[in-house]
Amino acid sequence: MRTKGNVIFVIIMCLLITISITIQPVEVSGISMNPTLKDKQYLIIKKAMIVGAYKRYDVIVFKTNNDSYVYCIKRIIGMPGETVQIVNGDIYINGTVLDGIDGLSCPDKAGFAAEPIVLGQEEYFVLGDNRAHSLDSRFIEIGNVNQDDIVGVAFQ
């Protein structure tokens, strides 16, 4: 009887540890993801354990400039190996205009994306949903996001 209780305890502890390792609460700071996410809102992110787990339009949390204590929340627009460019507010992926997500503004500033940006095999191009007020892959402070810097993807 005591052995059965120990087994159940071990199973419960394993589940709790697994859940705590694979999900994490994060607080939104700032307005760069409005209207999707609001300042001071909490969200849960799921940590991806496999390469290639992210897809276009996922909202991700990532480390900036190899700083393990500073995180950003943005939306994936460009995928590894793609070419991204912003011309007159339109986002081009491999030369084709990307159909936008309803309700999101067009980027008024192209930044580095005024010229074609070729993403590496482990790089993502990200934008904030509030494109007029977002520091994202268009600018040197963020740039392309490396797969290793992604902490997780927001539960939708």
Protein backbone atom coordinates (compact mmCIF):
# COMPACT_ATOMS: atom_id res chain seq x y z
CA MET A 1 0.00 0.00 0.00
CA ARG A 2 2.81 2.38 0.92
CA THR A 3 4.57 1.60 -2.38
CA LYS A 4 1.45 2.50 -4.38
CA GLY A 5 1.29 5.88 -2.58
CA ASN A 6 4.96 6.53 -3.35
CA VAL A 7 4.42 5.72 -7.03
CA ILE A 8 1.45 8.11 -7.24
CA PHE A 9 3.46 10.82 -5.47
CA VAL A 10 6.36 10.37 -7.92
CA ILE A 11 3.99 10.53 -10.92
CA ILE A 12 2.35 13.72 -9.63
CA MET A 13 5.73 15.31 -8.95
CA CYS A 14 6.95 14.38 -12.46
CA LEU A 15 3.86 15.94 -14.00
CA LEU A 16 4.25 19.14 -11.99
CA ILE A 17 7.93 19.44 -12.90
CA THR A 18 7.18 18.78 -16.58
CA ILE A 19 4.42 21.40 -16.63
CA SER A 20 6.58 23.98 -14.86
CA ILE A 21 9.40 23.39 -17.35
CA THR A 22 7.20 23.58 -20.45
CA ILE A 23 4.93 26.53 -19.56
CA GLN A 24 5.69 29.88 -17.98
CA PRO A 25 3.72 33.04 -17.14
CA VAL A 26 4.97 36.31 -18.70
CA GLU A 27 3.87 39.89 -18.11
CA VAL A 28 3.48 42.17 -21.14
CA SER A 29 5.38 45.45 -20.79
CA GLY A 30 4.57 48.27 -23.19
CA ILE A 31 2.23 48.91 -26.11
CA SER A 32 4.10 47.26 -28.99
CA MET A 33 1.66 44.33 -29.16
CA ASN A 34 -1.58 46.39 -28.97
CA PRO A 35 -4.36 45.58 -29.76
CA THR A 36 -3.59 41.86 -29.30
CA LEU A 37 -1.85 42.19 -25.93
CA LYS A 38 -2.15 45.04 -23.46
CA ASP A 39 0.46 46.54 -21.12
CA LYS A 40 0.62 44.67 -17.77
CA GLN A 41 -1.44 41.75 -19.17
CA TYR A 42 -0.24 38.27 -18.26
CA LEU A 43 0.01 35.45 -20.74
CA ILE A 44 1.23 31.89 -20.64
CA ILE A 45 3.98 30.78 -22.97
CA LYS A 46 4.69 27.25 -24.02
CA LYS A 47 8.35 26.40 -24.31
CA ALA A 48 9.02 24.53 -27.54
CA MET A 49 11.26 21.53 -27.14
CA ILE A 50 11.77 20.80 -30.85
CA VAL A 51 13.37 22.75 -33.67
CA GLY A 52 10.88 24.03 -36.23
CA ALA A 53 8.04 24.22 -33.70
CA TYR A 54 7.25 27.84 -34.58
CA LYS A 55 5.09 29.03 -37.44
CA ARG A 56 4.22 32.30 -39.13
CA TYR A 57 2.01 34.58 -36.97
CA ASP A 58 2.95 32.84 -33.70
CA VAL A 59 3.41 35.31 -30.84
CA ILE A 60 6.76 34.50 -29.26
CA VAL A 61 8.83 35.57 -26.27
CA PHE A 62 12.55 35.85 -26.91
CA LYS A 63 15.78 37.09 -25.34
CA THR A 64 17.30 40.23 -26.80
CA ASN A 65 20.95 40.70 -27.70
CA ASN A 66 21.97 37.56 -25.83
CA ASP A 67 20.72 39.15 -22.59
CA SER A 68 19.12 36.36 -20.59
CA TYR A 69 17.16 38.87 -18.44
CA VAL A 70 15.55 41.05 -21.13
CA TYR A 71 12.63 39.57 -23.07
CA CYS A 72 10.50 40.81 -25.95
CA ILE A 73 7.08 39.68 -27.17
CA LYS A 74 6.50 39.92 -30.93
CA ARG A 75 4.78 38.10 -33.81
CA ILE A 76 6.70 35.92 -36.27
CA ILE A 77 6.39 37.26 -39.80
CA GLY A 78 9.40 35.81 -41.63
CA MET A 79 10.50 32.18 -41.37
CA PRO A 80 14.00 30.65 -41.65
CA GLY A 81 15.42 30.82 -45.17
CA GLU A 82 12.89 33.40 -46.40
CA THR A 83 13.58 36.86 -47.81
CA VAL A 84 11.64 39.69 -46.13
CA GLN A 85 11.18 43.22 -47.41
CA ILE A 86 8.83 46.09 -46.55
CA VAL A 87 7.88 48.42 -49.38
CA ASN A 88 5.27 51.21 -49.02
CA GLY A 89 3.79 49.52 -45.95
CA ASP A 90 3.47 46.11 -47.63
CA ILE A 91 5.37 43.13 -46.26
CA TYR A 92 6.90 40.92 -48.94
CA ILE A 93 7.96 37.33 -48.29
CA ASN A 94 10.09 35.89 -51.10
CA GLY A 95 8.79 38.64 -53.42
CA THR A 96 5.07 38.06 -52.71
CA VAL A 97 2.93 40.42 -50.62
CA LEU A 98 2.02 38.81 -47.32
CA ASP A 99 -1.68 38.80 -46.55
CA GLY A 100 -2.03 40.62 -43.25
CA ILE A 101 -3.85 39.69 -40.10
CA ASP A 102 -7.15 41.57 -39.76
CA GLY A 103 -6.95 44.65 -37.58
CA LEU A 104 -3.16 45.06 -37.61
CA SER A 105 -1.58 48.20 -38.94
CA CYS A 106 0.85 48.22 -41.84
CA PRO A 107 4.43 49.11 -40.97
CA ASP A 108 4.94 52.81 -41.72
CA LYS A 109 8.71 52.53 -41.20
CA ALA A 110 10.57 49.81 -43.06
CA GLY A 111 13.87 50.23 -41.19
CA PHE A 112 16.42 47.67 -42.37
CA ALA A 113 13.63 45.84 -44.21
CA ALA A 114 13.54 48.60 -46.85
CA GLU A 115 16.15 46.37 -48.48
CA PRO A 116 15.64 42.59 -48.78
CA ILE A 117 16.64 40.67 -45.64
CA VAL A 118 17.60 37.04 -46.16
CA LEU A 119 16.96 35.03 -43.00
CA GLY A 120 19.38 32.33 -41.93
CA GLN A 121 18.28 28.74 -41.33
CA GLU A 122 17.61 29.45 -37.64
CA GLU A 123 16.42 33.08 -37.90
CA TYR A 124 12.97 34.66 -37.68
CA PHE A 125 11.77 38.16 -38.63
CA VAL A 126 9.36 39.51 -36.02
CA LEU A 127 7.07 42.54 -35.80
CA GLY A 128 5.00 44.00 -33.00
CA ASP A 129 1.26 44.20 -33.71
CA ASN A 130 1.34 47.96 -33.00
CA ARG A 131 3.69 48.52 -35.91
CA ALA A 132 3.90 52.31 -35.47
CA HIS A 133 5.17 51.88 -31.89
CA SER A 134 7.22 48.68 -31.94
CA LEU A 135 10.93 48.05 -31.70
CA ASP A 136 11.30 44.84 -33.71
CA SER A 137 13.29 43.11 -36.47
CA ARG A 138 13.19 46.28 -38.58
CA PHE A 139 15.67 47.91 -36.21
CA ILE A 140 19.23 47.15 -35.09
CA GLU A 141 18.26 46.92 -31.41
CA ILE A 142 16.32 43.70 -32.14
CA GLY A 143 17.22 42.48 -35.63
CA ASN A 144 16.52 38.91 -36.70
CA VAL A 145 15.68 36.53 -33.87
CA ASN A 146 17.75 33.38 -33.57
CA GLN A 147 15.97 30.10 -32.74
CA ASP A 148 18.17 29.69 -29.64
CA ASP A 149 16.93 33.02 -28.22
CA ILE A 150 13.24 32.04 -28.35
CA VAL A 151 11.89 31.26 -24.88
CA GLY A 152 8.45 30.11 -26.02
CA VAL A 153 5.23 30.76 -27.89
CA ALA A 154 2.10 32.33 -26.37
CA PHE A 155 -0.95 30.13 -25.87
CA GLN A 156 -3.62 31.31 -28.30
